[in-house]
C-alpha atoms as a PDB file:
ATOM      1  CA  UNK A   1       0.000   0.000   0.000  1.00  0.00           C
ATOM      2  CA  UNK A   2       1.277   3.463  -0.813  1.00  0.00           C
ATOM      3  CA  UNK A   3       2.228   5.844   1.946  1.00  0.00           C
ATOM      4  CA  UNK A   4       0.003   8.879   2.340  1.00  0.00           C
ATOM      5  CA  UNK A   5       2.693  11.344   1.287  1.00  0.00           C
ATOM      6  CA  UNK A   6       3.157   9.553  -2.034  1.00  0.00           C
ATOM      7  CA  UNK A   7      -0.571   9.331  -2.715  1.00  0.00           C
ATOM      8  CA  UNK A   8      -0.937  13.036  -1.947  1.00  0.00           C
ATOM      9  CA  UNK A   9       1.973  13.938  -4.238  1.00  0.00           C
ATOM     10  CA  UNK A  10       1.976  15.110  -7.822  1.00  0.00           C
ATOM     11  CA  UNK A  11       1.669  11.570  -9.190  1.00  0.00           C
ATOM     12  CA  UNK A  12      -1.507  10.805  -7.271  1.00  0.00           C
ATOM     13  CA  UNK A  13      -4.009  12.091  -9.865  1.00  0.00           C
ATOM     14  CA  UNK A  14      -2.305  10.106 -12.641  1.00  0.00           C
ATOM     15  CA  UNK A  15      -2.204   6.987 -10.492  1.00  0.00           C
ATOM     16  CA  UNK A  16      -5.861   7.321  -9.549  1.00  0.00           C
ATOM     17  CA  UNK A  17      -6.822   7.880 -13.191  1.00  0.00           C
ATOM     18  CA  UNK A  18      -4.823   4.834 -14.283  1.00  0.00           C
ATOM     19  CA  UNK A  19      -6.418   2.721 -11.559  1.00  0.00           C
ATOM     20  CA  UNK A  20      -9.891   3.895 -12.547  1.00  0.00           C
ATOM     21  CA  UNK A  21      -9.147   3.113 -16.208  1.00  0.00           C
ATOM     22  CA  UNK A  22      -8.143  -0.431 -15.207  1.00  0.00           C
ATOM     23  CA  UNK A  23     -11.286  -0.862 -13.116  1.00  0.00           C
ATOM     24  CA  UNK A  24     -13.614   0.385 -15.848  1.00  0.00           C
ATOM     25  CA  UNK A  25     -11.883  -1.789 -18.449  1.00  0.00           C
ATOM     26  CA  UNK A  26     -12.316  -4.829 -16.197  1.00  0.00           C
ATOM     27  CA  UNK A  27     -16.007  -3.998 -15.801  1.00  0.00           C
ATOM     28  CA  UNK A  28     -16.492  -3.692 -19.571  1.00  0.00           C
ATOM     29  CA  UNK A  29     -14.569  -6.918 -20.237  1.00  0.00           C
ATOM     30  CA  UNK A  30     -16.811  -8.692 -17.735  1.00  0.00           C
ATOM     31  CA  UNK A  31     -19.867  -7.504 -19.673  1.00  0.00           C
ATOM     32  CA  UNK A  32     -21.296  -5.696 -16.668  1.00  0.00           C
ATOM     33  CA  UNK A  33     -23.458  -3.320 -18.658  1.00  0.00           C
ATOM     34  CA  UNK A  34     -25.517  -2.083 -15.723  1.00  0.00           C
ATOM     35  CA  UNK A  35     -22.244  -0.881 -14.286  1.00  0.00           C
ATOM     36  CA  UNK A  36     -22.182  -0.095 -10.607  1.00  0.00           C
ATOM     37  CA  UNK A  37     -25.290  -2.089  -9.678  1.00  0.00           C
ATOM     38  CA  UNK A  38     -23.900  -5.356 -11.011  1.00  0.00           C
ATOM     39  CA  UNK A  39     -20.430  -4.793  -9.584  1.00  0.00           C
ATOM     40  CA  UNK A  40     -21.907  -3.801  -6.222  1.00  0.00           C
ATOM     41  CA  UNK A  41     -24.051  -6.925  -6.038  1.00  0.00           C
ATOM     42  CA  UNK A  42     -21.019  -9.113  -6.704  1.00  0.00           C
ATOM     43  CA  UNK A  43     -18.989  -7.160  -4.125  1.00  0.00           C
ATOM     44  CA  UNK A  44     -21.708  -7.537  -1.501  1.00  0.00           C
ATOM     45  CA  UNK A  45     -22.403  -3.818  -1.283  1.00  0.00           C
ATOM     46  CA  UNK A  46     -24.779  -1.216  -2.725  1.00  0.00           C
ATOM     47  CA  UNK A  47     -24.446   0.590  -6.065  1.00  0.00           C
ATOM     48  CA  UNK A  48     -23.921   4.029  -4.457  1.00  0.00           C
ATOM     49  CA  UNK A  49     -20.784   2.700  -2.737  1.00  0.00           C
ATOM     50  CA  UNK A  50     -19.297   1.676  -6.086  1.00  0.00           C
ATOM     51  CA  UNK A  51     -20.353   4.988  -7.616  1.00  0.00           C
ATOM     52  CA  UNK A  52     -18.624   6.860  -4.774  1.00  0.00           C
ATOM     53  CA  UNK A  53     -15.493   4.745  -5.226  1.00  0.00           C
ATOM     54  CA  UNK A  54     -15.307   5.430  -8.961  1.00  0.00           C
ATOM     55  CA  UNK A  55     -16.123   9.136  -8.542  1.00  0.00           C
ATOM     56  CA  UNK A  56     -13.525   9.533  -5.795  1.00  0.00           C
ATOM     57  CA  UNK A  57     -10.874   7.936  -7.991  1.00  0.00           C
ATOM     58  CA  UNK A  58     -11.903  10.168 -10.894  1.00  0.00           C
ATOM     59  CA  UNK A  59     -11.316  13.201  -8.684  1.00  0.00           C
ATOM     60  CA  UNK A  60      -8.036  11.792  -7.356  1.00  0.00           C
ATOM     61  CA  UNK A  61      -9.190  12.301  -3.777  1.00  0.00           C
ATOM     62  CA  UNK A  62      -9.513   8.733  -2.562  1.00  0.00           C
ATOM     63  CA  UNK A  63      -7.170   5.854  -1.922  1.00  0.00           C
ATOM     64  CA  UNK A  64      -9.247   2.661  -1.828  1.00  0.00           C
ATOM     65  CA  UNK A  65      -8.269  -0.145   0.504  1.00  0.00           C
ATOM     66  CA  UNK A  66      -6.651  -3.267  -0.865  1.00  0.00           C
ATOM     67  CA  UNK A  67      -9.681  -5.235   0.287  1.00  0.00           C
ATOM     68  CA  UNK A  68     -12.006  -2.980  -1.736  1.00  0.00           C
ATOM     69  CA  UNK A  69      -9.808  -3.326  -4.818  1.00  0.00           C
ATOM     70  CA  UNK A  70      -9.668  -7.108  -4.343  1.00  0.00           C
ATOM     71  CA  UNK A  71     -13.467  -7.288  -4.134  1.00  0.00           C
ATOM     72  CA  UNK A  72     -13.871  -5.083  -7.222  1.00  0.00           C
ATOM     73  CA  UNK A  73     -11.407  -7.265  -9.136  1.00  0.00           C
ATOM     74  CA  UNK A  74     -13.196 -10.457  -8.089  1.00  0.00           C
ATOM     75  CA  UNK A  75     -16.550  -8.925  -9.032  1.00  0.00           C
ATOM     76  CA  UNK A  76     -15.244  -8.403 -12.560  1.00  0.00           C
ATOM     77  CA  UNK A  77     -13.706 -11.857 -12.840  1.00  0.00           C
ATOM     78  CA  UNK A  78     -10.165 -10.607 -12.300  1.00  0.00           C
ATOM     79  CA  UNK A  79      -7.611 -10.880  -9.542  1.00  0.00           C
ATOM     80  CA  UNK A  80      -5.746  -7.993  -7.988  1.00  0.00           C
ATOM     81  CA  UNK A  81      -2.017  -7.865  -8.653  1.00  0.00           C
ATOM     82  CA  UNK A  82       0.205  -5.210  -7.119  1.00  0.00           C
ATOM     83  CA  UNK A  83       3.792  -4.829  -8.253  1.00  0.00           C
ATOM     84  CA  UNK A  84       6.744  -2.598  -7.523  1.00  0.00           C
ATOM     85  CA  UNK A  85       8.237  -1.152 -10.711  1.00  0.00           C
ATOM     86  CA  UNK A  86      11.056   1.212 -11.546  1.00  0.00           C
ATOM     87  CA  UNK A  87       9.997   4.883 -11.723  1.00  0.00           C
END
């Protein structure tokens, strides 16, 4: 998990946008056409929670938990993979 100072830094908006792009692509690939409602049901939550998650990432103001990301990935038929890469 990223430290708060990194997430709050200049790269945070790009990272959040890239993460959101990955999440939305996974949703499309899974054929979840009713978007948040279908993902939410599979995650065991309500559609507004998924909407808030996606909107917060779009604004770059939210760092979701690993558990939330894992559930979103599973809901779209994917698995979460986190790697360290060279800058």
